[in-house]
PDB file of N, CA and C in Angstrom:
ATOM      1  N   UNK A   1      18.509 107.349  76.958  1.00  0.00           N
ATOM      2  CA  UNK A   1      19.422 108.167  77.705  1.00  0.00           C
ATOM      3  C   UNK A   1      20.479 108.747  76.823  1.00  0.00           C
ATOM      4  N   UNK A   2      20.797 109.909  77.142  1.00  0.00           N
ATOM      5  CA  UNK A   2      21.815 110.565  76.341  1.00  0.00           C
ATOM      6  C   UNK A   2      23.197 110.349  76.953  1.00  0.00           C
ATOM      7  N   UNK A   3      24.214 110.668  76.205  1.00  0.00           N
ATOM      8  CA  UNK A   3      25.602 110.484  76.641  1.00  0.00           C
ATOM      9  C   UNK A   3      25.934 111.431  77.775  1.00  0.00           C
ATOM     10  N   UNK A   4      25.154 112.470  77.881  1.00  0.00           N
ATOM     11  CA  UNK A   4      25.425 113.465  78.907  1.00  0.00           C
ATOM     12  C   UNK A   4      25.087 112.935  80.289  1.00  0.00           C
ATOM     13  N   UNK A   5      24.207 112.062  80.423  1.00  0.00           N
ATOM     14  CA  UNK A   5      23.782 111.542  81.710  1.00  0.00           C
ATOM     15  C   UNK A   5      24.851 110.671  82.341  1.00  0.00           C
ATOM     16  N   UNK A   6      25.733 110.114  81.534  1.00  0.00           N
ATOM     17  CA  UNK A   6      26.769 109.235  82.066  1.00  0.00           C
ATOM     18  C   UNK A   6      28.072 109.943  82.397  1.00  0.00           C
ATOM     19  N   UNK A   7      28.156 111.190  82.191  1.00  0.00           N
ATOM     20  CA  UNK A   7      29.375 111.913  82.515  1.00  0.00           C
ATOM     21  C   UNK A   7      29.547 112.005  84.013  1.00  0.00           C
ATOM     22  N   UNK A   8      30.811 111.802  84.433  1.00  0.00           N
ATOM     23  CA  UNK A   8      31.107 111.862  85.859  1.00  0.00           C
ATOM     24  C   UNK A   8      31.744 113.214  86.124  1.00  0.00           C
ATOM     25  N   UNK A   9      31.248 113.875  87.121  1.00  0.00           N
ATOM     26  CA  UNK A   9      31.821 115.176  87.439  1.00  0.00           C
ATOM     27  C   UNK A   9      33.129 114.980  88.203  1.00  0.00           C
ATOM     28  N   UNK A  10      34.071 115.910  88.047  1.00  0.00           N
ATOM     29  CA  UNK A  10      35.356 115.771  88.747  1.00  0.00           C
ATOM     30  C   UNK A  10      35.162 115.819  90.249  1.00  0.00           C
ATOM     31  N   UNK A  11      36.074 115.133  90.946  1.00  0.00           N
ATOM     32  CA  UNK A  11      35.981 115.092  92.398  1.00  0.00           C
ATOM     33  C   UNK A  11      36.333 116.441  92.977  1.00  0.00           C
ATOM     34  N   UNK A  12      35.676 116.731  93.987  1.00  0.00           N
ATOM     35  CA  UNK A  12      35.976 117.957  94.705  1.00  0.00           C
ATOM     36  C   UNK A  12      36.575 117.570  96.042  1.00  0.00           C
ATOM     37  N   UNK A  13      37.564 118.345  96.455  1.00  0.00           N
ATOM     38  CA  UNK A  13      38.221 118.015  97.726  1.00  0.00           C
ATOM     39  C   UNK A  13      37.264 118.258  98.869  1.00  0.00           C
ATOM     40  N   UNK A  14      37.357 117.370  99.820  1.00  0.00           N
ATOM     41  CA  UNK A  14      36.433 117.452 100.944  1.00  0.00           C
ATOM     42  C   UNK A  14      37.129 118.027 102.165  1.00  0.00           C
ATOM     43  N   UNK A  15      38.007 118.968 101.981  1.00  0.00           N
ATOM     44  CA  UNK A  15      38.666 119.604 103.111  1.00  0.00           C
ATOM     45  C   UNK A  15      40.106 119.151 103.255  1.00  0.00           C
ATOM     46  N   UNK A  16      40.354 117.866 103.314  1.00  0.00           N
ATOM     47  CA  UNK A  16      41.717 117.356 103.461  1.00  0.00           C
ATOM     48  C   UNK A  16      42.352 117.326 102.074  1.00  0.00           C
ATOM     49  N   UNK A  17      43.470 118.001 101.976  1.00  0.00           N
ATOM     50  CA  UNK A  17      44.114 118.104 100.659  1.00  0.00           C
ATOM     51  C   UNK A  17      44.940 116.853 100.390  1.00  0.00           C
ATOM     52  N   UNK A  18      44.709 116.213  99.293  1.00  0.00           N
ATOM     53  CA  UNK A  18      45.457 115.019  98.915  1.00  0.00           C
ATOM     54  C   UNK A  18      46.705 115.442  98.142  1.00  0.00           C
ATOM     55  N   UNK A  19      47.796 114.710  98.379  1.00  0.00           N
ATOM     56  CA  UNK A  19      49.021 115.016  97.636  1.00  0.00           C
ATOM     57  C   UNK A  19      49.026 114.168  96.384  1.00  0.00           C
ATOM     58  N   UNK A  20      49.364 114.791  95.314  1.00  0.00           N
ATOM     59  CA  UNK A  20      49.451 114.084  94.047  1.00  0.00           C
ATOM     60  C   UNK A  20      50.893 113.683  93.805  1.00  0.00           C
ATOM     61  N   UNK A  21      51.108 112.550  93.197  1.00  0.00           N
ATOM     62  CA  UNK A  21      52.452 112.114  92.831  1.00  0.00           C
ATOM     63  C   UNK A  21      52.759 112.705  91.471  1.00  0.00           C
ATOM     64  N   UNK A  22      53.832 113.463  91.414  1.00  0.00           N
ATOM     65  CA  UNK A  22      54.267 114.054  90.152  1.00  0.00           C
ATOM     66  C   UNK A  22      55.230 113.069  89.491  1.00  0.00           C
ATOM     67  N   UNK A  23      54.692 112.248  88.606  1.00  0.00           N
ATOM     68  CA  UNK A  23      55.476 111.178  88.016  1.00  0.00           C
ATOM     69  C   UNK A  23      56.615 111.705  87.156  1.00  0.00           C
ATOM     70  N   UNK A  24      56.420 112.822  86.506  1.00  0.00           N
ATOM     71  CA  UNK A  24      57.494 113.359  85.674  1.00  0.00           C
ATOM     72  C   UNK A  24      58.677 113.792  86.540  1.00  0.00           C
ATOM     73  N   UNK A  25      58.406 114.415  87.666  1.00  0.00           N
ATOM     74  CA  UNK A  25      59.466 114.839  88.565  1.00  0.00           C
ATOM     75  C   UNK A  25      60.149 113.630  89.211  1.00  0.00           C
ATOM     76  N   UNK A  26      59.352 112.660  89.636  1.00  0.00           N
ATOM     77  CA  UNK A  26      59.906 111.445  90.224  1.00  0.00           C
ATOM     78  C   UNK A  26      60.754 110.685  89.207  1.00  0.00           C
ATOM     79  N   UNK A  27      60.307 110.665  87.979  1.00  0.00           N
ATOM     80  CA  UNK A  27      61.075 110.004  86.912  1.00  0.00           C
ATOM     81  C   UNK A  27      62.406 110.686  86.670  1.00  0.00           C
ATOM     82  N   UNK A  28      62.426 112.010  86.665  1.00  0.00           N
ATOM     83  CA  UNK A  28      63.688 112.736  86.484  1.00  0.00           C
ATOM     84  C   UNK A  28      64.646 112.479  87.634  1.00  0.00           C
ATOM     85  N   UNK A  29      64.127 112.460  88.851  1.00  0.00           N
ATOM     86  CA  UNK A  29      64.979 112.199  90.033  1.00  0.00           C
ATOM     87  C   UNK A  29      65.545 110.781  89.955  1.00  0.00           C
ATOM     88  N   UNK A  30      64.693 109.828  89.598  1.00  0.00           N
ATOM     89  CA  UNK A  30      65.165 108.448  89.475  1.00  0.00           C
ATOM     90  C   UNK A  30      66.214 108.336  88.374  1.00  0.00           C
ATOM     91  N   UNK A  31      66.017 109.030  87.277  1.00  0.00           N
ATOM     92  CA  UNK A  31      66.976 109.009  86.180  1.00  0.00           C
ATOM     93  C   UNK A  31      68.322 109.589  86.612  1.00  0.00           C
ATOM     94  N   UNK A  32      68.316 110.679  87.341  1.00  0.00           N
ATOM     95  CA  UNK A  32      69.554 111.280  87.831  1.00  0.00           C
ATOM     96  C   UNK A  32      70.250 110.345  88.812  1.00  0.00           C
ATOM     97  N   UNK A  33      69.486 109.695  89.696  1.00  0.00           N
ATOM     98  CA  UNK A  33      70.085 108.758  90.649  1.00  0.00           C
ATOM     99  C   UNK A  33      70.717 107.564  89.935  1.00  0.00           C
ATOM    100  N   UNK A  34      70.040 107.036  88.935  1.00  0.00           N
ATOM    101  CA  UNK A  34      70.591 105.926  88.165  1.00  0.00           C
ATOM    102  C   UNK A  34      71.841 106.372  87.412  1.00  0.00           C
ATOM    103  N   UNK A  35      71.818 107.578  86.863  1.00  0.00           N
ATOM    104  CA  UNK A  35      72.987 108.110  86.161  1.00  0.00           C
ATOM    105  C   UNK A  35      74.193 108.196  87.093  1.00  0.00           C
ATOM    106  N   UNK A  36      73.999 108.712  88.314  1.00  0.00           N
ATOM    107  CA  UNK A  36      75.104 108.814  89.259  1.00  0.00           C
ATOM    108  C   UNK A  36      75.559 107.431  89.739  1.00  0.00           C
ATOM    109  N   UNK A  37      74.656 106.492  89.857  1.00  0.00           N
ATOM    110  CA  UNK A  37      75.044 105.132  90.242  1.00  0.00           C
ATOM    111  C   UNK A  37      75.912 104.500  89.160  1.00  0.00           C
ATOM    112  N   UNK A  38      75.538 104.690  87.915  1.00  0.00           N
ATOM    113  CA  UNK A  38      76.344 104.159  86.809  1.00  0.00           C
ATOM    114  C   UNK A  38      77.690 104.866  86.761  1.00  0.00           C
ATOM    115  N   UNK A  39      77.681 106.172  86.931  1.00  0.00           N
ATOM    116  CA  UNK A  39      78.930 106.943  86.944  1.00  0.00           C
ATOM    117  C   UNK A  39      79.839 106.484  88.078  1.00  0.00           C
ATOM    118  N   UNK A  40      79.271 106.235  89.232  1.00  0.00           N
ATOM    119  CA  UNK A  40      80.050 105.757  90.386  1.00  0.00           C
ATOM    120  C   UNK A  40      80.637 104.378  90.120  1.00  0.00           C
ATOM    121  N   UNK A  41      79.902 103.546  89.401  1.00  0.00           N
ATOM    122  CA  UNK A  41      80.407 102.198  89.113  1.00  0.00           C
ATOM    123  C   UNK A  41      81.576 102.224  88.134  1.00  0.00           C
ATOM    124  N   UNK A  42      81.766 103.304  87.376  1.00  0.00           N
ATOM    125  CA  UNK A  42      82.881 103.412  86.446  1.00  0.00           C
ATOM    126  C   UNK A  42      84.135 103.988  87.091  1.00  0.00           C
ATOM    127  N   UNK A  43      84.061 104.498  88.304  1.00  0.00           N
ATOM    128  CA  UNK A  43      85.218 105.148  88.925  1.00  0.00           C
ATOM    129  C   UNK A  43      86.346 104.151  89.162  1.00  0.00           C
ATOM    130  N   UNK A  44      86.067 103.012  89.738  1.00  0.00           N
ATOM    131  CA  UNK A  44      87.111 102.035  90.052  1.00  0.00           C
ATOM    132  C   UNK A  44      87.799 101.497  88.799  1.00  0.00           C
ATOM    133  N   UNK A  45      87.078 101.088  87.763  1.00  0.00           N
ATOM    134  CA  UNK A  45      87.779 100.616  86.559  1.00  0.00           C
ATOM    135  C   UNK A  45      88.633 101.698  85.898  1.00  0.00           C
ATOM    136  N   UNK A  46      88.171 102.936  85.934  1.00  0.00           N
ATOM    137  CA  UNK A  46      88.950 104.016  85.320  1.00  0.00           C
ATOM    138  C   UNK A  46      90.236 104.247  86.101  1.00  0.00           C
ATOM    139  N   UNK A  47      90.166 104.243  87.432  1.00  0.00           N
ATOM    140  CA  UNK A  47      91.386 104.430  88.222  1.00  0.00           C
ATOM    141  C   UNK A  47      92.338 103.255  88.018  1.00  0.00           C
ATOM    142  N   UNK A  48      91.803 102.033  87.915  1.00  0.00           N
ATOM    143  CA  UNK A  48      92.658 100.875  87.632  1.00  0.00           C
ATOM    144  C   UNK A  48      93.327 101.002  86.271  1.00  0.00           C
ATOM    145  N   UNK A  49      92.594 101.492  85.282  1.00  0.00           N
ATOM    146  CA  UNK A  49      93.153 101.684  83.950  1.00  0.00           C
ATOM    147  C   UNK A  49      94.269 102.719  83.966  1.00  0.00           C
ATOM    148  N   UNK A  50      94.054 103.826  84.665  1.00  0.00           N
ATOM    149  CA  UNK A  50      95.082 104.874  84.734  1.00  0.00           C
ATOM    150  C   UNK A  50      96.322 104.354  85.447  1.00  0.00           C
ATOM    151  N   UNK A  51      96.151 103.610  86.527  1.00  0.00           N
ATOM    152  CA  UNK A  51      97.292 103.029  87.237  1.00  0.00           C
ATOM    153  C   UNK A  51      98.054 102.061  86.341  1.00  0.00           C
ATOM    154  N   UNK A  52      97.338 101.241  85.594  1.00  0.00           N
ATOM    155  CA  UNK A  52      97.988 100.294  84.688  1.00  0.00           C
ATOM    156  C   UNK A  52      98.727 101.031  83.573  1.00  0.00           C
ATOM    157  N   UNK A  53      98.152 102.119  83.089  1.00  0.00           N
ATOM    158  CA  UNK A  53      98.785 102.907  82.031  1.00  0.00           C
ATOM    159  C   UNK A  53     100.087 103.523  82.528  1.00  0.00           C
ATOM    160  N   UNK A  54     100.053 104.077  83.738  1.00  0.00           N
ATOM    161  CA  UNK A  54     101.278 104.636  84.323  1.00  0.00           C
ATOM    162  C   UNK A  54     102.310 103.540  84.552  1.00  0.00           C
ATOM    163  N   UNK A  55     101.860 102.396  85.035  1.00  0.00           N
ATOM    164  CA  UNK A  55     102.762 101.274  85.271  1.00  0.00           C
ATOM    165  C   UNK A  55     103.407 100.777  83.985  1.00  0.00           C
ATOM    166  N   UNK A  56     102.666 100.821  82.882  1.00  0.00           N
ATOM    167  CA  UNK A  56     103.235 100.373  81.612  1.00  0.00           C
ATOM    168  C   UNK A  56     104.347 101.312  81.159  1.00  0.00           C
ATOM    169  N   UNK A  57     104.187 102.622  81.403  1.00  0.00           N
ATOM    170  CA  UNK A  57     105.249 103.558  81.039  1.00  0.00           C
ATOM    171  C   UNK A  57     106.487 103.343  81.908  1.00  0.00           C
ATOM    172  N   UNK A  58     106.283 103.067  83.179  1.00  0.00           N
ATOM    173  CA  UNK A  58     107.421 102.778  84.054  1.00  0.00           C
ATOM    174  C   UNK A  58     108.108 101.488  83.621  1.00  0.00           C
ATOM    175  N   UNK A  59     107.332 100.497  83.238  1.00  0.00           N
ATOM    176  CA  UNK A  59     107.885  99.229  82.784  1.00  0.00           C
ATOM    177  C   UNK A  59     108.659  99.412  81.483  1.00  0.00           C
ATOM    178  N   UNK A  60     108.149 100.271  80.597  1.00  0.00           N
ATOM    179  CA  UNK A  60     108.864 100.540  79.347  1.00  0.00           C
ATOM    180  C   UNK A  60     110.220 101.174  79.614  1.00  0.00           C
ATOM    181  N   UNK A  61     110.285 102.111  80.556  1.00  0.00           N
ATOM    182  CA  UNK A  61     111.570 102.745  80.864  1.00  0.00           C
ATOM    183  C   UNK A  61     112.517 101.743  81.520  1.00  0.00           C
ATOM    184  N   UNK A  62     112.005 100.869  82.376  1.00  0.00           N
ATOM    185  CA  UNK A  62     112.846  99.833  82.967  1.00  0.00           C
ATOM    186  C   UNK A  62     113.358  98.879  81.891  1.00  0.00           C
ATOM    187  N   UNK A  63     112.510  98.537  80.943  1.00  0.00           N
ATOM    188  CA  UNK A  63     112.911  97.648  79.860  1.00  0.00           C
ATOM    189  C   UNK A  63     114.026  98.281  79.027  1.00  0.00           C
ATOM    190  N   UNK A  64     113.917  99.567  78.747  1.00  0.00           N
ATOM    191  CA  UNK A  64     114.950 100.247  77.970  1.00  0.00           C
ATOM    192  C   UNK A  64     116.283 100.242  78.716  1.00  0.00           C
ATOM    193  N   UNK A  65     116.249 100.509  80.022  1.00  0.00           N
ATOM    194  CA  UNK A  65     117.503 100.520  80.782  1.00  0.00           C
ATOM    195  C   UNK A  65     118.094  99.116  80.873  1.00  0.00           C
ATOM    196  N   UNK A  66     117.243  98.100  81.000  1.00  0.00           N
ATOM    197  CA  UNK A  66     117.742  96.726  81.040  1.00  0.00           C
ATOM    198  C   UNK A  66     118.322  96.289  79.689  1.00  0.00           C
ATOM    199  N   UNK A  67     117.741  96.759  78.597  1.00  0.00           N
ATOM    200  CA  UNK A  67     118.298  96.458  77.276  1.00  0.00           C
ATOM    201  C   UNK A  67     119.674  97.095  77.118  1.00  0.00           C
ATOM    202  N   UNK A  68     119.820  98.334  77.607  1.00  0.00           N
ATOM    203  CA  UNK A  68     121.128  98.995  77.538  1.00  0.00           C
ATOM    204  C   UNK A  68     122.156  98.230  78.354  1.00  0.00           C
ATOM    205  N   UNK A  69     121.765  97.795  79.546  1.00  0.00           N
ATOM    206  CA  UNK A  69     122.678  97.038  80.390  1.00  0.00           C
ATOM    207  C   UNK A  69     123.025  95.699  79.731  1.00  0.00           C
ATOM    208  N   UNK A  70     122.050  95.073  79.119  1.00  0.00           N
ATOM    209  CA  UNK A  70     122.291  93.800  78.429  1.00  0.00           C
ATOM    210  C   UNK A  70     123.294  93.985  77.294  1.00  0.00           C
ATOM    211  N   UNK A  71     123.117  95.048  76.504  1.00  0.00           N
ATOM    212  CA  UNK A  71     124.046  95.308  75.406  1.00  0.00           C
ATOM    213  C   UNK A  71     125.459  95.554  75.933  1.00  0.00           C
ATOM    214  N   UNK A  72     125.560  96.306  77.021  1.00  0.00           N
ATOM    215  CA  UNK A  72     126.865  96.585  77.623  1.00  0.00           C
ATOM    216  C   UNK A  72     127.515  95.290  78.102  1.00  0.00           C
ATOM    217  N   UNK A  73     126.746  94.435  78.752  1.00  0.00           N
ATOM    218  CA  UNK A  73     127.287  93.171  79.255  1.00  0.00           C
ATOM    219  C   UNK A  73     127.651  92.228  78.112  1.00  0.00           C
ATOM    220  N   UNK A  74     126.872  92.234  77.041  1.00  0.00           N
ATOM    221  CA  UNK A  74     127.206  91.419  75.872  1.00  0.00           C
ATOM    222  C   UNK A  74     128.537  91.862  75.274  1.00  0.00           C
ATOM    223  N   UNK A  75     128.748  93.179  75.166  1.00  0.00           N
ATOM    224  CA  UNK A  75     130.006  93.693  74.625  1.00  0.00           C
ATOM    225  C   UNK A  75     131.167  93.300  75.532  1.00  0.00           C
ATOM    226  N   UNK A  76     130.959  93.384  76.837  1.00  0.00           N
ATOM    227  CA  UNK A  76     132.019  92.994  77.775  1.00  0.00           C
ATOM    228  C   UNK A  76     132.311  91.501  77.661  1.00  0.00           C
ATOM    229  N   UNK A  77     131.281  90.676  77.517  1.00  0.00           N
ATOM    230  CA  UNK A  77     131.473  89.233  77.372  1.00  0.00           C
ATOM    231  C   UNK A  77     132.233  88.917  76.093  1.00  0.00           C
ATOM    232  N   UNK A  78     131.937  89.634  75.014  1.00  0.00           N
ATOM    233  CA  UNK A  78     132.660  89.424  73.757  1.00  0.00           C
ATOM    234  C   UNK A  78     134.123  89.820  73.896  1.00  0.00           C
ATOM    235  N   UNK A  79     134.372  90.930  74.603  1.00  0.00           N
ATOM    236  CA  UNK A  79     135.760  91.366  74.771  1.00  0.00           C
ATOM    237  C   UNK A  79     136.535  90.402  75.657  1.00  0.00           C
ATOM    238  N   UNK A  80     135.891  89.748  76.604  1.00  0.00           N
ATOM    239  CA  UNK A  80     136.581  88.802  77.486  1.00  0.00           C
ATOM    240  C   UNK A  80     136.871  87.468  76.801  1.00  0.00           C
ATOM    241  N   UNK A  81     136.235  87.225  75.654  1.00  0.00           N
ATOM    242  CA  UNK A  81     136.487  85.982  74.928  1.00  0.00           C
ATOM    243  C   UNK A  81     137.790  86.025  74.136  1.00  0.00           C
ATOM    244  N   UNK A  82     138.382  87.201  73.957  1.00  0.00           N
ATOM    245  CA  UNK A  82     139.639  87.293  73.196  1.00  0.00           C
ATOM    246  C   UNK A  82     140.773  86.658  74.004  1.00  0.00           C
ATOM    247  N   UNK A  83     141.796  86.137  73.322  1.00  0.00           N
ATOM    248  CA  UNK A  83     142.875  85.447  74.039  1.00  0.00           C
ATOM    249  C   UNK A  83     143.706  86.370  74.925  1.00  0.00           C
ATOM    250  N   UNK A  84     143.836  87.627  74.608  1.00  0.00           N
ATOM    251  CA  UNK A  84     144.651  88.555  75.391  1.00  0.00           C
ATOM    252  C   UNK A  84     143.869  89.239  76.507  1.00  0.00           C
ATOM    253  N   UNK A  85     142.581  88.945  76.639  1.00  0.00           N
ATOM    254  CA  UNK A  85     141.749  89.643  77.612  1.00  0.00           C
ATOM    255  C   UNK A  85     142.204  89.368  79.037  1.00  0.00           C
ATOM    256  N   UNK A  86     142.584  88.148  79.348  1.00  0.00           N
ATOM    257  CA  UNK A  86     143.018  87.809  80.697  1.00  0.00           C
ATOM    258  C   UNK A  86     144.305  88.548  81.052  1.00  0.00           C
ATOM    259  N   UNK A  87     145.239  88.592  80.104  1.00  0.00           N
ATOM    260  CA  UNK A  87     146.506  89.284  80.352  1.00  0.00           C
ATOM    261  C   UNK A  87     146.285  90.783  80.520  1.00  0.00           C
ATOM    262  N   UNK A  88     145.398  91.370  79.708  1.00  0.00           N
ATOM    263  CA  UNK A  88     145.120  92.807  79.820  1.00  0.00           C
ATOM    264  C   UNK A  88     144.463  93.137  81.157  1.00  0.00           C
ATOM    265  N   UNK A  89     143.533  92.304  81.590  1.00  0.00           N
ATOM    266  CA  UNK A  89     142.874  92.546  82.874  1.00  0.00           C
ATOM    267  C   UNK A  89     143.867  92.418  84.022  1.00  0.00           C
ATOM    268  N   UNK A  90     144.797  91.469  83.926  1.00  0.00           N
ATOM    269  CA  UNK A  90     145.805  91.300  84.975  1.00  0.00           C
ATOM    270  C   UNK A  90     146.742  92.501  85.024  1.00  0.00           C
ATOM    271  N   UNK A  91     147.155  93.016  83.872  1.00  0.00           N
ATOM    272  CA  UNK A  91     148.050  94.184  83.843  1.00  0.00           C
ATOM    273  C   UNK A  91     147.336  95.427  84.393  1.00  0.00           C
ATOM    274  N   UNK A  92     146.043  95.575  84.115  1.00  0.00           N
ATOM    275  CA  UNK A  92     145.309  96.739  84.656  1.00  0.00           C
ATOM    276  C   UNK A  92     145.237  96.685  86.174  1.00  0.00           C
ATOM    277  N   UNK A  93     145.208  95.487  86.734  1.00  0.00           N
ATOM    278  CA  UNK A  93     145.142  95.377  88.190  1.00  0.00           C
ATOM    279  C   UNK A  93     146.531  95.400  88.834  1.00  0.00           C
ATOM    280  N   UNK A  94     147.611  95.567  88.019  1.00  0.00           N
ATOM    281  CA  UNK A  94     148.951  95.735  88.571  1.00  0.00           C
ATOM    282  C   UNK A  94     149.803  94.492  88.554  1.00  0.00           C
ATOM    283  N   UNK A  95     149.419  93.451  87.927  1.00  0.00           N
ATOM    284  CA  UNK A  95     150.212  92.215  87.883  1.00  0.00           C
ATOM    285  C   UNK A  95     151.236  92.285  86.750  1.00  0.00           C
ATOM    286  N   UNK A  96     152.336  91.571  86.943  1.00  0.00           N
ATOM    287  CA  UNK A  96     153.384  91.502  85.928  1.00  0.00           C
ATOM    288  C   UNK A  96     153.713  90.035  85.680  1.00  0.00           C
ATOM    289  N   UNK A  97     154.301  89.742  84.516  1.00  0.00           N
ATOM    290  CA  UNK A  97     154.699  88.374  84.189  1.00  0.00           C
ATOM    291  C   UNK A  97     155.974  88.016  84.925  1.00  0.00           C
ATOM    292  N   UNK A  98     156.262  86.725  85.034  1.00  0.00           N
ATOM    293  CA  UNK A  98     157.518  86.285  85.642  1.00  0.00           C
ATOM    294  C   UNK A  98     158.699  86.833  84.838  1.00  0.00           C
ATOM    295  N   UNK A  99     159.664  87.350  85.532  1.00  0.00           N
ATOM    296  CA  UNK A  99     160.855  87.885  84.890  1.00  0.00           C
ATOM    297  C   UNK A  99     160.734  89.360  84.561  1.00  0.00           C
ATOM    298  N   UNK A 100     159.548  89.958  84.656  1.00  0.00           N
ATOM    299  CA  UNK A 100     159.398  91.394  84.401  1.00  0.00           C
ATOM    300  C   UNK A 100     159.611  92.152  85.693  1.00  0.00           C
ATOM    301  N   UNK A 101     160.035  93.393  85.565  1.00  0.00           N
ATOM    302  CA  UNK A 101     160.244  94.232  86.735  1.00  0.00           C
ATOM    303  C   UNK A 101     159.186  95.324  86.721  1.00  0.00           C
ATOM    304  N   UNK A 102     158.533  95.543  87.867  1.00  0.00           N
ATOM    305  CA  UNK A 102     157.474  96.567  87.947  1.00  0.00           C
ATOM    306  C   UNK A 102     158.060  97.856  88.495  1.00  0.00           C
ATOM    307  N   UNK A 103     157.527  98.976  88.030  1.00  0.00           N
ATOM    308  CA  UNK A 103     157.957 100.297  88.468  1.00  0.00           C
ATOM    309  C   UNK A 103     156.748 101.053  88.986  1.00  0.00           C
ATOM    310  N   UNK A 104     156.964 101.857  90.026  1.00  0.00           N
ATOM    311  CA  UNK A 104     155.926 102.737  90.566  1.00  0.00           C
ATOM    312  C   UNK A 104     156.414 104.158  90.366  1.00  0.00           C
ATOM    313  N   UNK A 105     155.637 104.958  89.651  1.00  0.00           N
ATOM    314  CA  UNK A 105     155.991 106.334  89.373  1.00  0.00           C
ATOM    315  C   UNK A 105     155.082 107.206  90.245  1.00  0.00           C
ATOM    316  N   UNK A 106     155.710 108.066  91.057  1.00  0.00           N
ATOM    317  CA  UNK A 106     154.954 108.935  91.964  1.00  0.00           C
ATOM    318  C   UNK A 106     155.165 110.384  91.597  1.00  0.00           C
ATOM    319  N   UNK A 107     154.247 111.239  92.058  1.00  0.00           N
ATOM    320  CA  UNK A 107     154.325 112.684  91.907  1.00  0.00           C
ATOM    321  C   UNK A 107     154.415 113.126  90.441  1.00  0.00           C
ATOM    322  N   UNK A 108     153.547 112.614  89.615  1.00  0.00           N
ATOM    323  CA  UNK A 108     153.515 113.034  88.219  1.00  0.00           C
ATOM    324  C   UNK A 108     152.766 114.352  88.105  1.00  0.00           C
ATOM    325  N   UNK A 109     153.218 115.280  87.241  1.00  0.00           N
ATOM    326  CA  UNK A 109     152.455 116.529  87.058  1.00  0.00           C
ATOM    327  C   UNK A 109     151.176 116.252  86.264  1.00  0.00           C
ATOM    328  N   UNK A 110     150.204 117.001  86.565  1.00  0.00           N
ATOM    329  CA  UNK A 110     148.911 116.794  85.902  1.00  0.00           C
ATOM    330  C   UNK A 110     148.894 117.452  84.578  1.00  0.00           C
TER     331      UNK A 110
END
């Protein structure tokens, strides 16, 4: 027998048309769906990262303002440690020592 006798002829449709699966097209669709699923899974971490980044900048500005306030309070604490600080604060609030006479000056020109 020759090799020609064993050849199988292609199938011919018998009226009802069969649908073929286009694997290349199905593969591309599956690839796009997987790509969008992966992309969707990155949305939440990226938004969390952006929120944290904004929060860090707000925290940095709060830290700077608190450092300024701390420096101001440290300077005030140092000035209050001087021996004359109590007397100066009392005079600014209008107090006088025993034996001193206080004066009130009104209607001063600007």
